[in-house]
Amino acid sequence: MEDVVAIAAIFLGLPWIIFHYITKWKTAATLTNGDEALLEELYQLARRLDERMDTVERLVAADNPEFRPARIVHDRETDNQKLRELDRLFAEQGRTSK
């Protein structure tokens, strides 16, 4: 009887556990097409908001010469570094950013 249980555990239980975790690993490690579309939409929104913020700062600075923006000055490299990194990643994937 012990031999039957051992054989069943080896030939049924062990493959079931292995295939179960392989399936879990494959489904958890990927982004769905919906996730990628959402990330693209959020990226485009971030770019538009950054451009709008730059425009607002320029308008306020034109009206008030003493105005110093709370965030980093318009088009400074450190201000746009993260957006440029995202642009580079999208270009590597073959996508074009708007």
PDB file of N, CA and C in Angstrom:
ATOM      1  N   MET A   1       0.816  -1.189   0.000  1.00  0.00           N
ATOM      2  CA  MET A   1       0.000   0.000   0.000  1.00  0.00           C
ATOM      3  C   MET A   1       0.865   1.261   0.000  1.00  0.00           C
ATOM      4  N   GLU A   2       1.938   1.236   0.745  1.00  0.00           N
ATOM      5  CA  GLU A   2       2.833   2.387   0.792  1.00  0.00           C
ATOM      6  C   GLU A   2       3.485   2.631  -0.563  1.00  0.00           C
ATOM      7  N   ASP A   3       3.731   1.556  -1.297  1.00  0.00           N
ATOM      8  CA  ASP A   3       4.324   1.698  -2.620  1.00  0.00           C
ATOM      9  C   ASP A   3       3.377   2.414  -3.578  1.00  0.00           C
ATOM     10  N   VAL A   4       2.093   2.117  -3.499  1.00  0.00           N
ATOM     11  CA  VAL A   4       1.100   2.740  -4.367  1.00  0.00           C
ATOM     12  C   VAL A   4       1.001   4.239  -4.072  1.00  0.00           C
ATOM     13  N   VAL A   5       1.006   4.605  -2.808  1.00  0.00           N
ATOM     14  CA  VAL A   5       0.940   6.013  -2.422  1.00  0.00           C
ATOM     15  C   VAL A   5       2.193   6.752  -2.890  1.00  0.00           C
ATOM     16  N   ALA A   6       3.356   6.164  -2.738  1.00  0.00           N
ATOM     17  CA  ALA A   6       4.605   6.783  -3.163  1.00  0.00           C
ATOM     18  C   ALA A   6       4.630   6.973  -4.683  1.00  0.00           C
ATOM     19  N   ILE A   7       4.201   5.953  -5.424  1.00  0.00           N
ATOM     20  CA  ILE A   7       4.174   6.039  -6.884  1.00  0.00           C
ATOM     21  C   ILE A   7       3.161   7.096  -7.334  1.00  0.00           C
ATOM     22  N   ALA A   8       1.989   7.132  -6.700  1.00  0.00           N
ATOM     23  CA  ALA A   8       0.976   8.130  -7.046  1.00  0.00           C
ATOM     24  C   ALA A   8       1.492   9.543  -6.748  1.00  0.00           C
ATOM     25  N   ALA A   9       2.192   9.708  -5.638  1.00  0.00           N
ATOM     26  CA  ALA A   9       2.739  11.022  -5.295  1.00  0.00           C
ATOM     27  C   ALA A   9       3.780  11.463  -6.311  1.00  0.00           C
ATOM     28  N   ILE A  10       4.606  10.545  -6.775  1.00  0.00           N
ATOM     29  CA  ILE A  10       5.662  10.886  -7.728  1.00  0.00           C
ATOM     30  C   ILE A  10       5.081  11.188  -9.108  1.00  0.00           C
ATOM     31  N   PHE A  11       4.184  10.319  -9.602  1.00  0.00           N
ATOM     32  CA  PHE A  11       3.699  10.452 -10.972  1.00  0.00           C
ATOM     33  C   PHE A  11       2.461  11.337 -11.129  1.00  0.00           C
ATOM     34  N   LEU A  12       1.740  11.598 -10.068  1.00  0.00           N
ATOM     35  CA  LEU A  12       0.558  12.455 -10.157  1.00  0.00           C
ATOM     36  C   LEU A  12       0.736  13.769  -9.397  1.00  0.00           C
ATOM     37  N   GLY A  13       1.125  13.667  -8.173  1.00  0.00           N
ATOM     38  CA  GLY A  13       1.218  14.853  -7.316  1.00  0.00           C
ATOM     39  C   GLY A  13       2.330  15.801  -7.711  1.00  0.00           C
ATOM     40  N   LEU A  14       3.520  15.281  -7.950  1.00  0.00           N
ATOM     41  CA  LEU A  14       4.659  16.139  -8.284  1.00  0.00           C
ATOM     42  C   LEU A  14       4.459  16.884  -9.605  1.00  0.00           C
ATOM     43  N   PRO A  15       4.045  16.215 -10.697  1.00  0.00           N
ATOM     44  CA  PRO A  15       3.788  16.986 -11.934  1.00  0.00           C
ATOM     45  C   PRO A  15       2.661  18.010 -11.776  1.00  0.00           C
ATOM     46  N   TRP A  16       1.629  17.664 -11.016  1.00  0.00           N
ATOM     47  CA  TRP A  16       0.545  18.616 -10.811  1.00  0.00           C
ATOM     48  C   TRP A  16       1.049  19.879 -10.125  1.00  0.00           C
ATOM     49  N   ILE A  17       1.865  19.725  -9.100  1.00  0.00           N
ATOM     50  CA  ILE A  17       2.419  20.887  -8.389  1.00  0.00           C
ATOM     51  C   ILE A  17       3.313  21.704  -9.307  1.00  0.00           C
ATOM     52  N   ILE A  18       4.158  21.034 -10.080  1.00  0.00           N
ATOM     53  CA  ILE A  18       5.067  21.743 -10.989  1.00  0.00           C
ATOM     54  C   ILE A  18       4.273  22.526 -12.035  1.00  0.00           C
ATOM     55  N   PHE A  19       3.308  21.878 -12.694  1.00  0.00           N
ATOM     56  CA  PHE A  19       2.521  22.567 -13.714  1.00  0.00           C
ATOM     57  C   PHE A  19       1.659  23.679 -13.129  1.00  0.00           C
ATOM     58  N   HIS A  20       1.181  23.491 -11.921  1.00  0.00           N
ATOM     59  CA  HIS A  20       0.394  24.526 -11.261  1.00  0.00           C
ATOM     60  C   HIS A  20       1.219  25.804 -11.093  1.00  0.00           C
ATOM     61  N   TYR A  21       2.438  25.678 -10.576  1.00  0.00           N
ATOM     62  CA  TYR A  21       3.263  26.864 -10.348  1.00  0.00           C
ATOM     63  C   TYR A  21       3.838  27.439 -11.631  1.00  0.00           C
ATOM     64  N   ILE A  22       4.048  26.614 -12.648  1.00  0.00           N
ATOM     65  CA  ILE A  22       4.461  27.143 -13.947  1.00  0.00           C
ATOM     66  C   ILE A  22       3.349  28.025 -14.518  1.00  0.00           C
ATOM     67  N   THR A  23       2.114  27.574 -14.406  1.00  0.00           N
ATOM     68  CA  THR A  23       0.977  28.352 -14.894  1.00  0.00           C
ATOM     69  C   THR A  23       0.850  29.665 -14.120  1.00  0.00           C
ATOM     70  N   LYS A  24       0.982  29.615 -12.813  1.00  0.00           N
ATOM     71  CA  LYS A  24       0.927  30.834 -11.995  1.00  0.00           C
ATOM     72  C   LYS A  24       2.043  31.806 -12.379  1.00  0.00           C
ATOM     73  N   TRP A  25       3.233  31.302 -12.614  1.00  0.00           N
ATOM     74  CA  TRP A  25       4.376  32.135 -12.965  1.00  0.00           C
ATOM     75  C   TRP A  25       4.143  32.815 -14.310  1.00  0.00           C
ATOM     76  N   LYS A  26       3.626  32.077 -15.288  1.00  0.00           N
ATOM     77  CA  LYS A  26       3.411  32.663 -16.606  1.00  0.00           C
ATOM     78  C   LYS A  26       2.318  33.731 -16.605  1.00  0.00           C
ATOM     79  N   THR A  27       1.272  33.544 -15.863  1.00  0.00           N
ATOM     80  CA  THR A  27       0.194  34.533 -15.850  1.00  0.00           C
ATOM     81  C   THR A  27       0.570  35.770 -15.044  1.00  0.00           C
ATOM     82  N   ALA A  28       1.376  35.646 -14.027  1.00  0.00           N
ATOM     83  CA  ALA A  28       1.724  36.786 -13.176  1.00  0.00           C
ATOM     84  C   ALA A  28       2.856  37.625 -13.761  1.00  0.00           C
ATOM     85  N   ALA A  29       3.640  37.093 -14.665  1.00  0.00           N
ATOM     86  CA  ALA A  29       4.842  37.785 -15.125  1.00  0.00           C
ATOM     87  C   ALA A  29       4.602  38.696 -16.322  1.00  0.00           C
ATOM     88  N   THR A  30       3.410  38.723 -16.868  1.00  0.00           N
ATOM     89  CA  THR A  30       3.196  39.502 -18.079  1.00  0.00           C
ATOM     90  C   THR A  30       2.152  40.587 -17.856  1.00  0.00           C
ATOM     91  N   LEU A  31       2.259  41.620 -18.668  1.00  0.00           N
ATOM     92  CA  LEU A  31       1.245  42.670 -18.699  1.00  0.00           C
ATOM     93  C   LEU A  31       0.250  42.327 -19.802  1.00  0.00           C
ATOM     94  N   THR A  32      -0.988  42.579 -19.536  1.00  0.00           N
ATOM     95  CA  THR A  32      -1.999  42.348 -20.558  1.00  0.00           C
ATOM     96  C   THR A  32      -1.988  43.518 -21.545  1.00  0.00           C
ATOM     97  N   ASN A  33      -2.652  43.340 -22.662  1.00  0.00           N
ATOM     98  CA  ASN A  33      -2.746  44.432 -23.641  1.00  0.00           C
ATOM     99  C   ASN A  33      -3.470  45.630 -23.036  1.00  0.00           C
ATOM    100  N   GLY A  34      -4.447  45.365 -22.195  1.00  0.00           N
ATOM    101  CA  GLY A  34      -5.153  46.450 -21.517  1.00  0.00           C
ATOM    102  C   GLY A  34      -4.237  47.231 -20.586  1.00  0.00           C
ATOM    103  N   ASP A  35      -3.348  46.513 -19.877  1.00  0.00           N
ATOM    104  CA  ASP A  35      -2.386  47.175 -18.996  1.00  0.00           C
ATOM    105  C   ASP A  35      -1.435  48.062 -19.795  1.00  0.00           C
ATOM    106  N   GLU A  36      -0.955  47.548 -20.935  1.00  0.00           N
ATOM    107  CA  GLU A  36      -0.053  48.338 -21.765  1.00  0.00           C
ATOM    108  C   GLU A  36      -0.746  49.569 -22.327  1.00  0.00           C
ATOM    109  N   ALA A  37      -1.996  49.429 -22.726  1.00  0.00           N
ATOM    110  CA  ALA A  37      -2.746  50.578 -23.242  1.00  0.00           C
ATOM    111  C   ALA A  37      -2.947  51.616 -22.149  1.00  0.00           C
ATOM    112  N   LEU A  38      -3.239  51.168 -20.938  1.00  0.00           N
ATOM    113  CA  LEU A  38      -3.410  52.094 -19.820  1.00  0.00           C
ATOM    114  C   LEU A  38      -2.114  52.829 -19.511  1.00  0.00           C
ATOM    115  N   LEU A  39      -0.995  52.120 -19.531  1.00  0.00           N
ATOM    116  CA  LEU A  39       0.298  52.761 -19.295  1.00  0.00           C
ATOM    117  C   LEU A  39       0.607  53.791 -20.375  1.00  0.00           C
ATOM    118  N   GLU A  40       0.309  53.469 -21.617  1.00  0.00           N
ATOM    119  CA  GLU A  40       0.522  54.419 -22.715  1.00  0.00           C
ATOM    120  C   GLU A  40      -0.339  55.666 -22.517  1.00  0.00           C
ATOM    121  N   GLU A  41      -1.585  55.466 -22.129  1.00  0.00           N
ATOM    122  CA  GLU A  41      -2.487  56.599 -21.903  1.00  0.00           C
ATOM    123  C   GLU A  41      -2.006  57.463 -20.740  1.00  0.00           C
ATOM    124  N   LEU A  42      -1.561  56.848 -19.668  1.00  0.00           N
ATOM    125  CA  LEU A  42      -1.048  57.603 -18.524  1.00  0.00           C
ATOM    126  C   LEU A  42       0.221  58.368 -18.886  1.00  0.00           C
ATOM    127  N   TYR A  43       1.054  57.758 -19.709  1.00  0.00           N
ATOM    128  CA  TYR A  43       2.275  58.423 -20.155  1.00  0.00           C
ATOM    129  C   TYR A  43       1.942  59.667 -20.973  1.00  0.00           C
ATOM    130  N   GLN A  44       1.004  59.544 -21.910  1.00  0.00           N
ATOM    131  CA  GLN A  44       0.615  60.687 -22.728  1.00  0.00           C
ATOM    132  C   GLN A  44      -0.006  61.784 -21.865  1.00  0.00           C
ATOM    133  N   LEU A  45      -0.794  61.394 -20.874  1.00  0.00           N
ATOM    134  CA  LEU A  45      -1.378  62.367 -19.956  1.00  0.00           C
ATOM    135  C   LEU A  45      -0.298  63.106 -19.172  1.00  0.00           C
ATOM    136  N   ALA A  46       0.719  62.381 -18.715  1.00  0.00           N
ATOM    137  CA  ALA A  46       1.813  63.014 -17.969  1.00  0.00           C
ATOM    138  C   ALA A  46       2.562  64.015 -18.843  1.00  0.00           C
ATOM    139  N   ARG A  47       2.780  63.673 -20.097  1.00  0.00           N
ATOM    140  CA  ARG A  47       3.462  64.603 -21.010  1.00  0.00           C
ATOM    141  C   ARG A  47       2.627  65.869 -21.225  1.00  0.00           C
ATOM    142  N   ARG A  48       1.322  65.705 -21.427  1.00  0.00           N
ATOM    143  CA  ARG A  48       0.455  66.878 -21.632  1.00  0.00           C
ATOM    144  C   ARG A  48       0.403  67.749 -20.390  1.00  0.00           C
ATOM    145  N   LEU A  49       0.331  67.130 -19.218  1.00  0.00           N
ATOM    146  CA  LEU A  49       0.288  67.907 -17.975  1.00  0.00           C
ATOM    147  C   LEU A  49       1.597  68.651 -17.747  1.00  0.00           C
ATOM    148  N   ASP A  50       2.716  68.032 -18.099  1.00  0.00           N
ATOM    149  CA  ASP A  50       4.008  68.696 -17.957  1.00  0.00           C
ATOM    150  C   ASP A  50       4.081  69.907 -18.879  1.00  0.00           C
ATOM    151  N   GLU A  51       3.605  69.756 -20.110  1.00  0.00           N
ATOM    152  CA  GLU A  51       3.603  70.885 -21.046  1.00  0.00           C
ATOM    153  C   GLU A  51       2.682  71.999 -20.561  1.00  0.00           C
ATOM    154  N   ARG A  52       1.545  71.646 -20.020  1.00  0.00           N
ATOM    155  CA  ARG A  52       0.613  72.658 -19.501  1.00  0.00           C
ATOM    156  C   ARG A  52       1.214  73.405 -18.323  1.00  0.00           C
ATOM    157  N   MET A  53       1.885  72.665 -17.444  1.00  0.00           N
ATOM    158  CA  MET A  53       2.511  73.305 -16.282  1.00  0.00           C
ATOM    159  C   MET A  53       3.590  74.286 -16.725  1.00  0.00           C
ATOM    160  N   ASP A  54       4.374  73.906 -17.737  1.00  0.00           N
ATOM    161  CA  ASP A  54       5.387  74.818 -18.274  1.00  0.00           C
ATOM    162  C   ASP A  54       4.742  76.076 -18.843  1.00  0.00           C
ATOM    163  N   THR A  55       3.620  75.908 -19.541  1.00  0.00           N
ATOM    164  CA  THR A  55       2.920  77.057 -20.126  1.00  0.00           C
ATOM    165  C   THR A  55       2.391  77.985 -19.039  1.00  0.00           C
ATOM    166  N   VAL A  56       1.791  77.441 -18.015  1.00  0.00           N
ATOM    167  CA  VAL A  56       1.267  78.253 -16.909  1.00  0.00           C
ATOM    168  C   VAL A  56       2.402  79.015 -16.238  1.00  0.00           C
ATOM    169  N   GLU A  57       3.524  78.363 -16.011  1.00  0.00           N
ATOM    170  CA  GLU A  57       4.653  79.041 -15.376  1.00  0.00           C
ATOM    171  C   GLU A  57       5.180  80.175 -16.247  1.00  0.00           C
ATOM    172  N   ARG A  58       5.249  79.954 -17.553  1.00  0.00           N
ATOM    173  CA  ARG A  58       5.703  81.025 -18.450  1.00  0.00           C
ATOM    174  C   ARG A  58       4.742  82.209 -18.431  1.00  0.00           C
ATOM    175  N   LEU A  59       3.438  81.936 -18.434  1.00  0.00           N
ATOM    176  CA  LEU A  59       2.447  83.022 -18.416  1.00  0.00           C
ATOM    177  C   LEU A  59       2.521  83.823 -17.121  1.00  0.00           C
ATOM    178  N   VAL A  60       2.632  83.136 -16.011  1.00  0.00           N
ATOM    179  CA  VAL A  60       2.709  83.829 -14.721  1.00  0.00           C
ATOM    180  C   VAL A  60       4.017  84.614 -14.633  1.00  0.00           C
ATOM    181  N   ALA A  61       5.105  84.030 -15.118  1.00  0.00           N
ATOM    182  CA  ALA A  61       6.393  84.733 -15.082  1.00  0.00           C
ATOM    183  C   ALA A  61       6.372  85.969 -15.976  1.00  0.00           C
ATOM    184  N   ALA A  62       5.629  85.911 -17.087  1.00  0.00           N
ATOM    185  CA  ALA A  62       5.534  87.075 -17.973  1.00  0.00           C
ATOM    186  C   ALA A  62       4.767  88.208 -17.302  1.00  0.00           C
ATOM    187  N   ASP A  63       3.764  87.879 -16.491  1.00  0.00           N
ATOM    188  CA  ASP A  63       2.973  88.899 -15.802  1.00  0.00           C
ATOM    189  C   ASP A  63       3.649  89.411 -14.534  1.00  0.00           C
ATOM    190  N   ASN A  64       4.441  88.581 -13.915  1.00  0.00           N
ATOM    191  CA  ASN A  64       5.058  88.930 -12.646  1.00  0.00           C
ATOM    192  C   ASN A  64       6.543  88.568 -12.699  1.00  0.00           C
ATOM    193  N   PRO A  65       7.426  89.544 -12.895  1.00  0.00           N
ATOM    194  CA  PRO A  65       8.857  89.235 -13.035  1.00  0.00           C
ATOM    195  C   PRO A  65       9.490  88.669 -11.757  1.00  0.00           C
ATOM    196  N   GLU A  66       8.843  88.847 -10.619  1.00  0.00           N
ATOM    197  CA  GLU A  66       9.392  88.328  -9.364  1.00  0.00           C
ATOM    198  C   GLU A  66       9.016  86.862  -9.123  1.00  0.00           C
ATOM    199  N   PHE A  67       8.198  86.329  -9.991  1.00  0.00           N
ATOM    200  CA  PHE A  67       7.734  84.943  -9.829  1.00  0.00           C
ATOM    201  C   PHE A  67       8.879  83.957 -10.054  1.00  0.00           C
ATOM    202  N   ARG A  68       9.041  83.060  -9.113  1.00  0.00           N
ATOM    203  CA  ARG A  68       9.991  81.958  -9.233  1.00  0.00           C
ATOM    204  C   ARG A  68       9.187  80.667  -9.070  1.00  0.00           C
ATOM    205  N   PRO A  69       9.152  79.848 -10.107  1.00  0.00           N
ATOM    206  CA  PRO A  69       8.323  78.642 -10.030  1.00  0.00           C
ATOM    207  C   PRO A  69       8.776  77.710  -8.912  1.00  0.00           C
ATOM    208  N   ALA A  70       7.795  77.046  -8.303  1.00  0.00           N
ATOM    209  CA  ALA A  70       8.092  76.113  -7.217  1.00  0.00           C
ATOM    210  C   ALA A  70       8.798  74.873  -7.747  1.00  0.00           C
ATOM    211  N   ARG A  71       8.452  74.497  -8.950  1.00  0.00           N
ATOM    212  CA  ARG A  71       9.122  73.336  -9.526  1.00  0.00           C
ATOM    213  C   ARG A  71      10.292  73.801 -10.369  1.00  0.00           C
ATOM    214  N   ILE A  72      10.982  72.869 -10.935  1.00  0.00           N
ATOM    215  CA  ILE A  72      12.199  73.178 -11.674  1.00  0.00           C
ATOM    216  C   ILE A  72      11.870  73.987 -12.931  1.00  0.00           C
ATOM    217  N   VAL A  73      12.776  74.848 -13.336  1.00  0.00           N
ATOM    218  CA  VAL A  73      12.584  75.775 -14.441  1.00  0.00           C
ATOM    219  C   VAL A  73      12.279  75.022 -15.737  1.00  0.00           C
ATOM    220  N   HIS A  74      11.471  75.649 -16.592  1.00  0.00           N
ATOM    221  CA  HIS A  74      11.023  75.096 -17.867  1.00  0.00           C
ATOM    222  C   HIS A  74      12.178  74.560 -18.709  1.00  0.00           C
ATOM    223  N   ASP A  75      11.981  73.352 -19.237  1.00  0.00           N
ATOM    224  CA  ASP A  75      12.892  72.687 -20.165  1.00  0.00           C
ATOM    225  C   ASP A  75      14.297  72.461 -19.612  1.00  0.00           C
ATOM    226  N   ARG A  76      14.460  72.458 -18.332  1.00  0.00           N
ATOM    227  CA  ARG A  76      15.748  72.092 -17.762  1.00  0.00           C
ATOM    228  C   ARG A  76      15.888  70.579 -17.868  1.00  0.00           C
ATOM    229  N   GLU A  77      17.080  70.099 -18.131  1.00  0.00           N
ATOM    230  CA  GLU A  77      17.307  68.672 -18.381  1.00  0.00           C
ATOM    231  C   GLU A  77      16.832  67.805 -17.216  1.00  0.00           C
ATOM    232  N   THR A  78      17.092  68.203 -15.981  1.00  0.00           N
ATOM    233  CA  THR A  78      16.693  67.382 -14.842  1.00  0.00           C
ATOM    234  C   THR A  78      15.180  67.330 -14.674  1.00  0.00           C
ATOM    235  N   ASP A  79      14.482  68.370 -15.149  1.00  0.00           N
ATOM    236  CA  ASP A  79      13.027  68.398 -15.065  1.00  0.00           C
ATOM    237  C   ASP A  79      12.396  67.373 -15.993  1.00  0.00           C
ATOM    238  N   ASN A  80      12.944  67.229 -17.180  1.00  0.00           N
ATOM    239  CA  ASN A  80      12.358  66.355 -18.192  1.00  0.00           C
ATOM    240  C   ASN A  80      13.063  65.008 -18.320  1.00  0.00           C
ATOM    241  N   GLN A  81      13.971  64.697 -17.420  1.00  0.00           N
ATOM    242  CA  GLN A  81      14.775  63.487 -17.523  1.00  0.00           C
ATOM    243  C   GLN A  81      13.921  62.218 -17.510  1.00  0.00           C
ATOM    244  N   LYS A  82      12.946  62.129 -16.621  1.00  0.00           N
ATOM    245  CA  LYS A  82      12.124  60.922 -16.534  1.00  0.00           C
ATOM    246  C   LYS A  82      11.261  60.745 -17.781  1.00  0.00           C
ATOM    247  N   LEU A  83      10.728  61.846 -18.316  1.00  0.00           N
ATOM    248  CA  LEU A  83       9.944  61.751 -19.542  1.00  0.00           C
ATOM    249  C   LEU A  83      10.820  61.339 -20.717  1.00  0.00           C
ATOM    250  N   ARG A  84      12.048  61.818 -20.767  1.00  0.00           N
ATOM    251  CA  ARG A  84      12.951  61.412 -21.850  1.00  0.00           C
ATOM    252  C   ARG A  84      13.320  59.932 -21.730  1.00  0.00           C
ATOM    253  N   GLU A  85      13.464  59.460 -20.517  1.00  0.00           N
ATOM    254  CA  GLU A  85      13.745  58.025 -20.308  1.00  0.00           C
ATOM    255  C   GLU A  85      12.576  57.188 -20.813  1.00  0.00           C
ATOM    256  N   LEU A  86      11.354  57.634 -20.535  1.00  0.00           N
ATOM    257  CA  LEU A  86      10.178  56.926 -21.053  1.00  0.00           C
ATOM    258  C   LEU A  86      10.117  56.999 -22.572  1.00  0.00           C
ATOM    259  N   ASP A  87      10.465  58.149 -23.146  1.00  0.00           N
ATOM    260  CA  ASP A  87      10.520  58.272 -24.607  1.00  0.00           C
ATOM    261  C   ASP A  87      11.491  57.250 -25.198  1.00  0.00           C
ATOM    262  N   ARG A  88      12.630  57.107 -24.547  1.00  0.00           N
ATOM    263  CA  ARG A  88      13.638  56.158 -25.025  1.00  0.00           C
ATOM    264  C   ARG A  88      13.118  54.727 -24.956  1.00  0.00           C
ATOM    265  N   LEU A  89      12.448  54.384 -23.859  1.00  0.00           N
ATOM    266  CA  LEU A  89      11.905  53.035 -23.717  1.00  0.00           C
ATOM    267  C   LEU A  89      10.834  52.749 -24.756  1.00  0.00           C
ATOM    268  N   PHE A  90       9.965  53.726 -25.021  1.00  0.00           N
ATOM    269  CA  PHE A  90       8.937  53.539 -26.043  1.00  0.00           C
ATOM    270  C   PHE A  90       9.571  53.406 -27.428  1.00  0.00           C
ATOM    271  N   ALA A  91      10.629  54.155 -27.688  1.00  0.00           N
ATOM    272  CA  ALA A  91      11.300  54.070 -28.990  1.00  0.00           C
ATOM    273  C   ALA A  91      11.933  52.685 -29.169  1.00  0.00           C
ATOM    274  N   GLU A  92      12.465  52.128 -28.090  1.00  0.00           N
ATOM    275  CA  GLU A  92      13.054  50.787 -28.170  1.00  0.00           C
ATOM    276  C   GLU A  92      11.988  49.736 -28.466  1.00  0.00           C
ATOM    277  N   GLN A  93      10.778  49.961 -28.010  1.00  0.00           N
ATOM    278  CA  GLN A  93       9.694  49.017 -28.264  1.00  0.00           C
ATOM    279  C   GLN A  93       9.075  49.229 -29.632  1.00  0.00           C
ATOM    280  N   GLY A  94       9.509  50.249 -30.346  1.00  0.00           N
ATOM    281  CA  GLY A  94       8.994  50.496 -31.679  1.00  0.00           C
ATOM    282  C   GLY A  94       7.751  51.359 -31.690  1.00  0.00           C
ATOM    283  N   ARG A  95       7.423  51.940 -30.567  1.00  0.00           N
ATOM    284  CA  ARG A  95       6.268  52.827 -30.483  1.00  0.00           C
ATOM    285  C   ARG A  95       6.721  54.244 -30.701  1.00  0.00           C
ATOM    286  N   THR A  96       5.837  55.056 -31.218  1.00  0.00           N
ATOM    287  CA  THR A  96       6.144  56.476 -31.361  1.00  0.00           C
ATOM    288  C   THR A  96       5.322  57.254 -30.366  1.00  0.00           C
ATOM    289  N   SER A  97       5.972  58.141 -29.653  1.00  0.00           N
ATOM    290  CA  SER A  97       5.252  58.982 -28.692  1.00  0.00           C
ATOM    291  C   SER A  97       4.789  60.234 -29.371  1.00  0.00           C
ATOM    292  N   LYS A  98       3.635  60.736 -28.962  1.00  0.00           N
ATOM    293  CA  LYS A  98       3.042  61.916 -29.576  1.00  0.00           C
ATOM    294  C   LYS A  98       3.490  63.156 -28.879  1.00  0.00           C
TER     295      LYS A  98
END
